[in-house]
Amino acid sequence: MSKPTSVPFRGTKEQEAKLMEVISAHKNEDGAVIPVLHEAQDIYGYLPIEVQEMISEGLDVPLAEIYGIVTFYTQFSINPKGEYQIGICLGTACYVKGSGDILEKVKSILGIDVGECTPDGKFSLDATRCIGACGLAPVMTINDEVYGRLVVDDVEDILKKYA
């Protein structure tokens, strides 16, 4: 389970209006919580406690139940995603070739842990499983860019391209 972010919630009135439309459209349906959560995450990009509270109130479902669903299913995130989403593959081929060290270097440079976003919203970091690029192990992705055959000394220069 990931810990809540320290990045302040920055939802807009437009996003809230969209969420209220979604809640209204699903309010009387059985099993409405998961579809509403999916649509809410599409609207906000993640599911901070403020959004969970709105869903709880709108669907008349206890906040604890909403939070339990959000933290149980991996497709939901309580942390925002950065402009640049970094993924470090920890699949077997990548891990045995040093991706754990690459992950530690990225964490050190950015000052965040897996599942977190930098305070400026620029970078978020995730540990992934095999992305199917085993021949390039170890692999890091930044959005749709794939960086392979990495060594720890490559990380700083790669991140500088996005700063």
N, C-alpha and C. Protein backbone atom coordinates (compact mmCIF):
# COMPACT_ATOMS: atom_id res chain seq x y z
N MET A 1 0.85 -1.17 0.00
CA MET A 1 0.00 0.00 0.00
C MET A 1 0.89 1.23 0.00
N SER A 2 0.56 2.18 -0.88
CA SER A 2 1.38 3.38 -0.94
C SER A 2 0.89 4.40 0.08
N LYS A 3 1.83 5.23 0.49
CA LYS A 3 1.45 6.26 1.47
C LYS A 3 0.90 7.48 0.75
N PRO A 4 0.02 8.22 1.41
CA PRO A 4 -0.54 9.41 0.77
C PRO A 4 0.55 10.41 0.40
N THR A 5 0.29 11.16 -0.64
CA THR A 5 1.24 12.13 -1.15
C THR A 5 1.30 13.38 -0.27
N SER A 6 2.41 14.07 -0.35
CA SER A 6 2.52 15.35 0.34
C SER A 6 2.27 16.50 -0.64
N VAL A 7 1.98 16.17 -1.89
CA VAL A 7 1.68 17.17 -2.90
C VAL A 7 0.25 17.66 -2.66
N PRO A 8 0.03 18.97 -2.53
CA PRO A 8 -1.32 19.47 -2.25
C PRO A 8 -2.30 19.18 -3.38
N PHE A 9 -3.54 18.91 -3.02
CA PHE A 9 -4.61 18.67 -3.98
C PHE A 9 -4.90 19.96 -4.74
N ARG A 10 -4.98 19.85 -6.06
CA ARG A 10 -5.22 21.04 -6.88
C ARG A 10 -6.38 20.83 -7.85
N GLY A 11 -7.46 20.24 -7.35
CA GLY A 11 -8.62 20.02 -8.20
C GLY A 11 -9.28 21.34 -8.58
N THR A 12 -9.90 21.36 -9.75
CA THR A 12 -10.58 22.56 -10.23
C THR A 12 -12.09 22.41 -10.09
N LYS A 13 -12.79 23.50 -10.18
CA LYS A 13 -14.27 23.48 -10.15
C LYS A 13 -14.81 22.69 -11.35
N GLU A 14 -14.13 22.77 -12.49
CA GLU A 14 -14.57 22.03 -13.67
C GLU A 14 -14.45 20.53 -13.42
N GLN A 15 -13.34 20.10 -12.81
CA GLN A 15 -13.18 18.68 -12.50
C GLN A 15 -14.26 18.23 -11.51
N GLU A 16 -14.51 19.04 -10.51
CA GLU A 16 -15.53 18.69 -9.52
C GLU A 16 -16.91 18.57 -10.18
N ALA A 17 -17.22 19.47 -11.10
CA ALA A 17 -18.50 19.41 -11.80
C ALA A 17 -18.61 18.12 -12.61
N LYS A 18 -17.53 17.74 -13.29
CA LYS A 18 -17.53 16.48 -14.05
C LYS A 18 -17.74 15.29 -13.12
N LEU A 19 -17.05 15.31 -11.97
CA LEU A 19 -17.20 14.22 -11.01
C LEU A 19 -18.64 14.13 -10.51
N MET A 20 -19.26 15.26 -10.23
CA MET A 20 -20.64 15.26 -9.75
C MET A 20 -21.58 14.69 -10.81
N GLU A 21 -21.30 14.97 -12.09
CA GLU A 21 -22.09 14.38 -13.19
C GLU A 21 -21.95 12.87 -13.20
N VAL A 22 -20.71 12.39 -13.02
CA VAL A 22 -20.44 10.95 -13.00
C VAL A 22 -21.18 10.30 -11.84
N ILE A 23 -21.06 10.89 -10.67
CA ILE A 23 -21.72 10.34 -9.47
C ILE A 23 -23.23 10.30 -9.70
N SER A 24 -23.78 11.37 -10.23
CA SER A 24 -25.21 11.45 -10.48
C SER A 24 -25.66 10.36 -11.47
N ALA A 25 -24.86 10.12 -12.49
CA ALA A 25 -25.20 9.12 -13.50
C ALA A 25 -25.19 7.70 -12.95
N HIS A 26 -24.40 7.44 -11.92
CA HIS A 26 -24.26 6.08 -11.36
C HIS A 26 -24.93 5.90 -10.00
N LYS A 27 -25.46 6.97 -9.43
CA LYS A 27 -25.91 6.98 -8.04
C LYS A 27 -26.82 5.82 -7.65
N ASN A 28 -27.75 5.45 -8.48
CA ASN A 28 -28.72 4.42 -8.11
C ASN A 28 -28.40 3.04 -8.68
N GLU A 29 -27.17 2.86 -9.17
CA GLU A 29 -26.77 1.57 -9.74
C GLU A 29 -26.12 0.71 -8.67
N ASP A 30 -26.39 -0.59 -8.73
CA ASP A 30 -25.65 -1.51 -7.87
C ASP A 30 -24.21 -1.56 -8.36
N GLY A 31 -23.25 -1.61 -7.45
CA GLY A 31 -21.84 -1.70 -7.83
C GLY A 31 -21.30 -0.44 -8.48
N ALA A 32 -21.83 0.71 -8.10
CA ALA A 32 -21.44 1.97 -8.74
C ALA A 32 -20.05 2.44 -8.35
N VAL A 33 -19.54 1.98 -7.21
CA VAL A 33 -18.29 2.56 -6.69
C VAL A 33 -17.12 2.40 -7.67
N ILE A 34 -16.89 1.21 -8.16
CA ILE A 34 -15.71 1.00 -9.02
C ILE A 34 -15.82 1.78 -10.33
N PRO A 35 -16.95 1.77 -11.03
CA PRO A 35 -17.02 2.61 -12.23
C PRO A 35 -16.81 4.10 -11.93
N VAL A 36 -17.36 4.58 -10.82
CA VAL A 36 -17.18 5.99 -10.46
C VAL A 36 -15.71 6.27 -10.15
N LEU A 37 -15.05 5.36 -9.45
CA LEU A 37 -13.62 5.54 -9.16
C LEU A 37 -12.80 5.60 -10.44
N HIS A 38 -13.11 4.72 -11.39
CA HIS A 38 -12.38 4.74 -12.68
C HIS A 38 -12.56 6.09 -13.38
N GLU A 39 -13.79 6.55 -13.44
CA GLU A 39 -14.05 7.82 -14.12
C GLU A 39 -13.43 8.99 -13.35
N ALA A 40 -13.46 8.92 -12.03
CA ALA A 40 -12.85 9.98 -11.22
C ALA A 40 -11.34 10.03 -11.46
N GLN A 41 -10.72 8.87 -11.56
CA GLN A 41 -9.28 8.84 -11.82
C GLN A 41 -8.97 9.39 -13.22
N ASP A 42 -9.86 9.13 -14.17
CA ASP A 42 -9.68 9.72 -15.50
C ASP A 42 -9.77 11.24 -15.43
N ILE A 43 -10.64 11.76 -14.59
CA ILE A 43 -10.83 13.21 -14.46
C ILE A 43 -9.63 13.86 -13.76
N TYR A 44 -9.19 13.27 -12.64
CA TYR A 44 -8.16 13.90 -11.81
C TYR A 44 -6.75 13.35 -12.04
N GLY A 45 -6.66 12.15 -12.62
CA GLY A 45 -5.35 11.52 -12.82
C GLY A 45 -4.93 10.65 -11.65
N TYR A 46 -5.63 10.77 -10.54
CA TYR A 46 -5.39 9.97 -9.34
C TYR A 46 -6.57 10.16 -8.41
N LEU A 47 -6.55 9.50 -7.25
CA LEU A 47 -7.70 9.54 -6.34
C LEU A 47 -7.28 9.99 -4.94
N PRO A 48 -7.02 11.28 -4.79
CA PRO A 48 -6.65 11.79 -3.46
C PRO A 48 -7.84 11.68 -2.51
N ILE A 49 -7.58 11.83 -1.23
CA ILE A 49 -8.62 11.69 -0.22
C ILE A 49 -9.77 12.67 -0.45
N GLU A 50 -9.48 13.84 -0.98
CA GLU A 50 -10.53 14.82 -1.25
C GLU A 50 -11.54 14.29 -2.27
N VAL A 51 -11.04 13.60 -3.29
CA VAL A 51 -11.92 13.01 -4.30
C VAL A 51 -12.68 11.83 -3.71
N GLN A 52 -11.99 11.02 -2.91
CA GLN A 52 -12.64 9.89 -2.26
C GLN A 52 -13.79 10.37 -1.36
N GLU A 53 -13.58 11.49 -0.66
CA GLU A 53 -14.63 12.04 0.21
C GLU A 53 -15.85 12.48 -0.61
N MET A 54 -15.61 13.12 -1.77
CA MET A 54 -16.73 13.53 -2.62
C MET A 54 -17.52 12.33 -3.11
N ILE A 55 -16.81 11.27 -3.48
CA ILE A 55 -17.47 10.05 -3.95
C ILE A 55 -18.24 9.40 -2.80
N SER A 56 -17.63 9.36 -1.64
CA SER A 56 -18.28 8.79 -0.46
C SER A 56 -19.61 9.51 -0.17
N GLU A 57 -19.55 10.82 -0.14
CA GLU A 57 -20.75 11.61 0.14
C GLU A 57 -21.79 11.47 -0.99
N GLY A 58 -21.31 11.52 -2.23
CA GLY A 58 -22.23 11.48 -3.37
C GLY A 58 -22.92 10.15 -3.54
N LEU A 59 -22.23 9.05 -3.24
CA LEU A 59 -22.84 7.72 -3.39
C LEU A 59 -23.40 7.19 -2.07
N ASP A 60 -23.17 7.95 -0.99
CA ASP A 60 -23.60 7.52 0.35
C ASP A 60 -22.98 6.16 0.70
N VAL A 61 -21.68 6.09 0.50
CA VAL A 61 -20.90 4.89 0.82
C VAL A 61 -19.83 5.33 1.81
N PRO A 62 -19.59 4.56 2.86
CA PRO A 62 -18.59 4.98 3.85
C PRO A 62 -17.21 5.22 3.22
N LEU A 63 -16.55 6.28 3.67
CA LEU A 63 -15.22 6.61 3.17
C LEU A 63 -14.26 5.44 3.35
N ALA A 64 -14.38 4.72 4.45
CA ALA A 64 -13.49 3.56 4.69
C ALA A 64 -13.64 2.52 3.58
N GLU A 65 -14.83 2.34 3.08
CA GLU A 65 -15.06 1.38 1.99
C GLU A 65 -14.40 1.88 0.70
N ILE A 66 -14.58 3.16 0.42
CA ILE A 66 -13.96 3.76 -0.78
C ILE A 66 -12.44 3.62 -0.69
N TYR A 67 -11.88 4.02 0.45
CA TYR A 67 -10.42 3.94 0.64
C TYR A 67 -9.93 2.50 0.52
N GLY A 68 -10.67 1.57 1.07
CA GLY A 68 -10.30 0.16 0.98
C GLY A 68 -10.22 -0.33 -0.46
N ILE A 69 -11.16 0.08 -1.27
CA ILE A 69 -11.16 -0.30 -2.69
C ILE A 69 -9.99 0.34 -3.42
N VAL A 70 -9.79 1.64 -3.18
CA VAL A 70 -8.72 2.38 -3.86
C VAL A 70 -7.35 1.80 -3.53
N THR A 71 -7.13 1.42 -2.29
CA THR A 71 -5.82 0.92 -1.89
C THR A 71 -5.65 -0.57 -2.17
N PHE A 72 -6.74 -1.28 -2.45
CA PHE A 72 -6.65 -2.71 -2.75
C PHE A 72 -6.29 -2.96 -4.21
N TYR A 73 -6.95 -2.26 -5.11
CA TYR A 73 -6.74 -2.50 -6.54
C TYR A 73 -5.59 -1.65 -7.08
N THR A 74 -4.67 -2.32 -7.77
CA THR A 74 -3.47 -1.63 -8.24
C THR A 74 -3.73 -0.62 -9.36
N GLN A 75 -4.87 -0.71 -10.04
CA GLN A 75 -5.12 0.26 -11.11
C GLN A 75 -5.50 1.64 -10.57
N PHE A 76 -5.76 1.73 -9.27
CA PHE A 76 -6.07 3.02 -8.66
C PHE A 76 -4.84 3.57 -7.98
N SER A 77 -4.69 4.88 -8.02
CA SER A 77 -3.54 5.54 -7.38
C SER A 77 -4.01 6.67 -6.48
N ILE A 78 -3.46 6.72 -5.27
CA ILE A 78 -3.77 7.84 -4.37
C ILE A 78 -2.73 8.95 -4.50
N ASN A 79 -1.75 8.73 -5.34
CA ASN A 79 -0.70 9.73 -5.57
C ASN A 79 -0.78 10.25 -7.00
N PRO A 80 -0.50 11.53 -7.18
CA PRO A 80 -0.52 12.08 -8.54
C PRO A 80 0.62 11.49 -9.37
N LYS A 81 0.43 11.52 -10.66
CA LYS A 81 1.49 11.12 -11.59
C LYS A 81 2.15 12.37 -12.12
N GLY A 82 3.45 12.30 -12.31
CA GLY A 82 4.19 13.45 -12.78
C GLY A 82 4.03 13.68 -14.27
N GLU A 83 4.49 14.83 -14.70
CA GLU A 83 4.54 15.13 -16.13
C GLU A 83 5.38 14.07 -16.83
N TYR A 84 6.44 13.65 -16.14
CA TYR A 84 7.30 12.57 -16.66
C TYR A 84 7.17 11.38 -15.72
N GLN A 85 6.57 10.32 -16.25
CA GLN A 85 6.35 9.11 -15.45
C GLN A 85 7.48 8.12 -15.71
N ILE A 86 8.27 7.90 -14.66
CA ILE A 86 9.43 7.02 -14.76
C ILE A 86 9.05 5.64 -14.27
N GLY A 87 9.42 4.65 -15.04
CA GLY A 87 9.22 3.26 -14.64
C GLY A 87 10.55 2.54 -14.70
N ILE A 88 10.88 1.86 -13.61
CA ILE A 88 12.10 1.05 -13.58
C ILE A 88 11.65 -0.40 -13.57
N CYS A 89 12.08 -1.16 -14.56
CA CYS A 89 11.70 -2.57 -14.64
C CYS A 89 12.46 -3.37 -13.58
N LEU A 90 11.71 -4.10 -12.78
CA LEU A 90 12.31 -4.99 -11.79
C LEU A 90 12.03 -6.44 -12.11
N GLY A 91 11.72 -6.71 -13.38
CA GLY A 91 11.56 -8.09 -13.82
C GLY A 91 12.90 -8.82 -13.69
N THR A 92 12.88 -10.12 -13.79
CA THR A 92 14.06 -10.93 -13.51
C THR A 92 15.29 -10.51 -14.31
N ALA A 93 15.15 -10.39 -15.63
CA ALA A 93 16.32 -10.05 -16.46
C ALA A 93 16.90 -8.69 -16.07
N CYS A 94 16.03 -7.73 -15.86
CA CYS A 94 16.50 -6.39 -15.49
C CYS A 94 17.10 -6.39 -14.09
N TYR A 95 16.45 -7.09 -13.19
CA TYR A 95 16.92 -7.07 -11.80
C TYR A 95 18.31 -7.69 -11.67
N VAL A 96 18.54 -8.83 -12.34
CA VAL A 96 19.86 -9.46 -12.22
C VAL A 96 20.95 -8.65 -12.91
N LYS A 97 20.55 -7.74 -13.79
CA LYS A 97 21.53 -6.88 -14.45
C LYS A 97 21.64 -5.50 -13.81
N GLY A 98 21.02 -5.32 -12.62
CA GLY A 98 21.28 -4.10 -11.86
C GLY A 98 20.18 -3.06 -11.79
N SER A 99 18.95 -3.41 -12.15
CA SER A 99 17.91 -2.38 -12.12
C SER A 99 17.59 -1.90 -10.70
N GLY A 100 17.84 -2.73 -9.70
CA GLY A 100 17.65 -2.30 -8.32
C GLY A 100 18.55 -1.12 -7.98
N ASP A 101 19.79 -1.15 -8.46
CA ASP A 101 20.72 -0.04 -8.23
C ASP A 101 20.29 1.21 -9.00
N ILE A 102 19.74 1.00 -10.20
CA ILE A 102 19.25 2.13 -10.99
C ILE A 102 18.06 2.78 -10.29
N LEU A 103 17.17 1.96 -9.76
CA LEU A 103 16.04 2.48 -9.01
C LEU A 103 16.51 3.31 -7.82
N GLU A 104 17.48 2.81 -7.08
CA GLU A 104 18.00 3.56 -5.92
C GLU A 104 18.61 4.89 -6.35
N LYS A 105 19.29 4.91 -7.49
CA LYS A 105 19.89 6.15 -7.99
C LYS A 105 18.81 7.18 -8.35
N VAL A 106 17.76 6.72 -9.03
CA VAL A 106 16.66 7.63 -9.39
C VAL A 106 16.01 8.18 -8.13
N LYS A 107 15.75 7.31 -7.16
CA LYS A 107 15.15 7.75 -5.90
C LYS A 107 16.03 8.80 -5.22
N SER A 108 17.33 8.58 -5.24
CA SER A 108 18.27 9.50 -4.61
C SER A 108 18.28 10.86 -5.31
N ILE A 109 18.32 10.85 -6.62
CA ILE A 109 18.38 12.10 -7.39
C ILE A 109 17.09 12.90 -7.22
N LEU A 110 15.94 12.23 -7.31
CA LEU A 110 14.66 12.92 -7.27
C LEU A 110 14.14 13.17 -5.85
N GLY A 111 14.66 12.43 -4.89
CA GLY A 111 14.21 12.59 -3.52
C GLY A 111 12.81 12.06 -3.27
N ILE A 112 12.40 11.07 -4.06
CA ILE A 112 11.09 10.45 -3.88
C ILE A 112 11.24 8.94 -3.84
N ASP A 113 10.20 8.28 -3.36
CA ASP A 113 10.18 6.83 -3.31
C ASP A 113 9.25 6.31 -4.40
N VAL A 114 9.22 5.02 -4.57
CA VAL A 114 8.32 4.39 -5.53
C VAL A 114 6.88 4.76 -5.18
N GLY A 115 6.11 5.13 -6.20
CA GLY A 115 4.72 5.50 -6.00
C GLY A 115 4.52 6.97 -5.69
N GLU A 116 5.60 7.73 -5.62
CA GLU A 116 5.50 9.14 -5.26
C GLU A 116 5.75 10.05 -6.46
N CYS A 117 5.44 11.31 -6.25
CA CYS A 117 5.62 12.34 -7.26
C CYS A 117 6.44 13.47 -6.64
N THR A 118 7.31 14.07 -7.42
CA THR A 118 8.08 15.20 -6.90
C THR A 118 7.13 16.35 -6.59
N PRO A 119 7.47 17.18 -5.59
CA PRO A 119 6.58 18.27 -5.19
C PRO A 119 6.21 19.23 -6.33
N ASP A 120 7.09 19.36 -7.33
CA ASP A 120 6.78 20.25 -8.45
C ASP A 120 5.91 19.59 -9.52
N GLY A 121 5.58 18.31 -9.32
CA GLY A 121 4.73 17.59 -10.26
C GLY A 121 5.43 17.16 -11.53
N LYS A 122 6.74 17.30 -11.57
CA LYS A 122 7.49 17.01 -12.78
C LYS A 122 7.71 15.50 -12.99
N PHE A 123 8.10 14.78 -11.92
CA PHE A 123 8.43 13.36 -12.05
C PHE A 123 7.62 12.51 -11.07
N SER A 124 7.21 11.33 -11.53
CA SER A 124 6.69 10.31 -10.62
C SER A 124 7.48 9.04 -10.91
N LEU A 125 7.51 8.16 -9.92
CA LEU A 125 8.37 6.97 -10.02
C LEU A 125 7.58 5.72 -9.68
N ASP A 126 7.69 4.72 -10.56
CA ASP A 126 7.07 3.42 -10.31
C ASP A 126 8.06 2.32 -10.61
N ALA A 127 7.95 1.26 -9.83
CA ALA A 127 8.69 0.03 -10.10
C ALA A 127 7.74 -0.84 -10.90
N THR A 128 8.20 -1.34 -12.03
CA THR A 128 7.32 -2.14 -12.89
C THR A 128 7.84 -3.57 -12.96
N ARG A 129 7.02 -4.41 -13.50
CA ARG A 129 7.44 -5.77 -13.80
C ARG A 129 7.82 -5.79 -15.27
N CYS A 130 8.14 -6.93 -15.78
CA CYS A 130 8.67 -7.06 -17.14
C CYS A 130 7.87 -6.24 -18.16
N ILE A 131 8.60 -5.45 -18.93
CA ILE A 131 7.95 -4.66 -19.98
C ILE A 131 8.21 -5.26 -21.36
N GLY A 132 8.87 -6.42 -21.39
CA GLY A 132 9.09 -7.11 -22.66
C GLY A 132 10.32 -6.64 -23.42
N ALA A 133 11.25 -6.01 -22.73
CA ALA A 133 12.47 -5.53 -23.37
C ALA A 133 13.68 -6.19 -22.71
N CYS A 134 13.56 -7.48 -22.44
CA CYS A 134 14.60 -8.20 -21.69
C CYS A 134 15.97 -8.15 -22.37
N GLY A 135 15.98 -8.08 -23.69
CA GLY A 135 17.25 -8.00 -24.41
C GLY A 135 17.97 -6.68 -24.18
N LEU A 136 17.28 -5.69 -23.64
CA LEU A 136 17.87 -4.39 -23.36
C LEU A 136 18.14 -4.19 -21.87
N ALA A 137 17.97 -5.23 -21.09
CA ALA A 137 18.07 -5.13 -19.62
C ALA A 137 19.41 -4.55 -19.18
N PRO A 138 19.35 -3.73 -18.13
CA PRO A 138 18.19 -3.22 -17.40
C PRO A 138 17.55 -2.02 -18.10
N VAL A 139 16.24 -1.88 -17.90
CA VAL A 139 15.46 -0.90 -18.65
C VAL A 139 14.75 0.09 -17.72
N MET A 140 14.71 1.35 -18.19
CA MET A 140 13.95 2.40 -17.53
C MET A 140 13.11 3.07 -18.62
N THR A 141 11.86 3.39 -18.29
CA THR A 141 11.03 4.14 -19.22
C THR A 141 10.71 5.51 -18.62
N ILE A 142 10.62 6.49 -19.48
CA ILE A 142 10.13 7.81 -19.10
C ILE A 142 9.07 8.15 -20.13
N ASN A 143 7.83 8.15 -19.66
CA ASN A 143 6.67 8.23 -20.55
C ASN A 143 6.81 7.13 -21.60
N ASP A 144 6.90 7.46 -22.87
CA ASP A 144 6.98 6.43 -23.90
C ASP A 144 8.41 6.14 -24.37
N GLU A 145 9.39 6.80 -23.77
CA GLU A 145 10.79 6.57 -24.13
C GLU A 145 11.35 5.39 -23.34
N VAL A 146 12.08 4.51 -24.02
CA VAL A 146 12.69 3.35 -23.36
C VAL A 146 14.21 3.55 -23.37
N TYR A 147 14.80 3.41 -22.20
CA TYR A 147 16.26 3.50 -22.04
C TYR A 147 16.75 2.13 -21.59
N GLY A 148 17.62 1.54 -22.40
CA GLY A 148 18.08 0.19 -22.09
C GLY A 148 19.58 0.09 -21.95
N ARG A 149 19.98 -1.10 -21.48
CA ARG A 149 21.40 -1.41 -21.21
C ARG A 149 22.01 -0.33 -20.31
N LEU A 150 21.26 0.04 -19.29
CA LEU A 150 21.67 1.12 -18.40
C LEU A 150 22.71 0.68 -17.39
N VAL A 151 23.48 1.65 -16.98
CA VAL A 151 24.34 1.52 -15.80
C VAL A 151 24.00 2.73 -14.93
N VAL A 152 24.29 2.63 -13.66
CA VAL A 152 23.93 3.69 -12.71
C VAL A 152 24.42 5.06 -13.17
N ASP A 153 25.61 5.11 -13.77
CA ASP A 153 26.17 6.40 -14.20
C ASP A 153 25.39 7.06 -15.33
N ASP A 154 24.48 6.31 -16.00
CA ASP A 154 23.67 6.89 -17.08
C ASP A 154 22.49 7.72 -16.55
N VAL A 155 22.05 7.41 -15.35
CA VAL A 155 20.78 7.93 -14.84
C VAL A 155 20.75 9.46 -14.76
N GLU A 156 21.75 10.06 -14.20
CA GLU A 156 21.75 11.51 -14.01
C GLU A 156 21.62 12.27 -15.33
N ASP A 157 22.38 11.85 -16.35
CA ASP A 157 22.31 12.53 -17.64
C ASP A 157 20.95 12.35 -18.30
N ILE A 158 20.35 11.17 -18.15
CA ILE A 158 19.02 10.94 -18.72
C ILE A 158 18.01 11.86 -18.06
N LEU A 159 18.02 11.93 -16.74
CA LEU A 159 17.06 12.78 -16.03
C LEU A 159 17.25 14.26 -16.34
N LYS A 160 18.47 14.67 -16.58
CA LYS A 160 18.75 16.09 -16.91
C LYS A 160 18.03 16.52 -18.19
N LYS A 161 17.81 15.58 -19.11
CA LYS A 161 17.12 15.89 -20.36
C LYS A 161 15.68 16.34 -20.12
N TYR A 162 15.13 15.93 -18.98
CA TYR A 162 13.72 16.24 -18.68
C TYR A 162 13.56 17.37 -17.66
N ALA A 163 14.66 17.82 -17.11
CA ALA A 163 14.60 18.87 -16.06
C ALA A 163 14.43 20.20 -16.64
